[in-house]
Amino acid sequence: MTKKDNKFSKTLRFHGVSKRDLGTHLNLSQPTIKAYCENPQMFRLNQLKKIGKLTDLKLNELDDLISG
């Protein structure tokens, strides 16, 4: 685990979603996924909805995870 792993990235991994899988599902390049995971506020609403479906998290839970 690197220093750059934040709570958002750890939660994705906990739910079995790697950054590579996330890039595939969201149709984003790996450098973009890396930047977005380091700063999750950059994700768009439709992308967060897809992440919610992948992880079984509600948008409120994702919002709490990102903002706090």
Protein backbone atom coordinates (compact mmCIF):
# COMPACT_ATOMS: atom_id res chain seq x y z
CA MET A 1 0.00 0.00 0.00
CA THR A 2 1.43 3.37 -0.97
CA LYS A 3 1.07 6.73 0.74
CA LYS A 4 -1.20 7.90 -2.07
CA ASP A 5 -3.85 5.30 -1.21
CA ASN A 6 -6.69 7.20 0.35
CA LYS A 7 -9.94 6.09 1.92
CA PHE A 8 -11.67 6.07 -1.49
CA SER A 9 -9.08 3.75 -3.06
CA LYS A 10 -9.06 1.49 -0.01
CA THR A 11 -12.84 1.18 -0.15
CA LEU A 12 -12.74 0.27 -3.83
CA ARG A 13 -10.21 -2.47 -3.11
CA PHE A 14 -12.27 -3.68 -0.13
CA HIS A 15 -15.19 -4.20 -2.51
CA GLY A 16 -12.98 -6.02 -5.00
CA VAL A 17 -12.69 -3.23 -7.58
CA SER A 18 -9.17 -2.49 -8.79
CA LYS A 19 -8.23 0.73 -10.52
CA ARG A 20 -7.81 -1.25 -13.73
CA ASP A 21 -11.34 -2.67 -13.41
CA LEU A 22 -12.69 0.77 -12.65
CA GLY A 23 -11.04 2.21 -15.76
CA THR A 24 -12.57 -0.56 -17.86
CA HIS A 25 -16.08 -0.04 -16.45
CA LEU A 26 -15.91 3.75 -16.74
CA ASN A 27 -14.10 3.73 -20.09
CA LEU A 28 -11.28 5.91 -18.74
CA SER A 29 -7.52 5.60 -19.20
CA GLN A 30 -5.32 4.44 -16.34
CA PRO A 31 -3.63 7.85 -15.86
CA THR A 32 -7.07 9.45 -15.61
CA ILE A 33 -8.26 6.83 -13.10
CA LYS A 34 -5.12 7.38 -11.04
CA ALA A 35 -5.74 11.15 -10.95
CA TYR A 36 -9.43 10.68 -10.14
CA CYS A 37 -8.70 8.23 -7.32
CA GLU A 38 -6.18 10.64 -5.81
CA ASN A 39 -8.83 13.38 -5.99
CA PRO A 40 -12.25 11.65 -6.05
CA GLN A 41 -14.12 14.97 -6.25
CA MET A 42 -13.26 14.90 -9.96
CA PHE A 43 -15.64 11.98 -10.68
CA ARG A 44 -18.85 12.93 -12.44
CA LEU A 45 -22.25 11.95 -11.12
CA ASN A 46 -22.85 9.26 -13.75
CA GLN A 47 -19.42 7.77 -12.95
CA LEU A 48 -20.25 7.74 -9.24
CA LYS A 49 -23.50 5.93 -10.01
CA LYS A 50 -21.54 3.23 -11.85
CA ILE A 51 -19.09 2.98 -8.95
CA GLY A 52 -22.07 2.61 -6.62
CA LYS A 53 -23.38 -0.30 -8.69
CA LEU A 54 -19.96 -1.96 -8.71
CA THR A 55 -19.49 -1.63 -4.95
CA ASP A 56 -23.13 -1.79 -3.76
CA LEU A 57 -22.66 1.61 -2.12
CA LYS A 58 -25.33 4.31 -2.22
CA LEU A 59 -24.54 7.79 -3.52
CA ASN A 60 -24.83 9.19 0.02
CA GLU A 61 -22.22 6.73 1.23
CA LEU A 62 -19.92 7.62 -1.68
CA ASP A 63 -20.40 11.31 -0.95
CA ASP A 64 -19.48 10.81 2.71
CA LEU A 65 -16.45 8.79 1.64
CA ILE A 66 -15.27 11.46 -0.80
CA SER A 67 -15.93 14.52 1.33
CA GLY A 68 -14.93 13.24 4.69
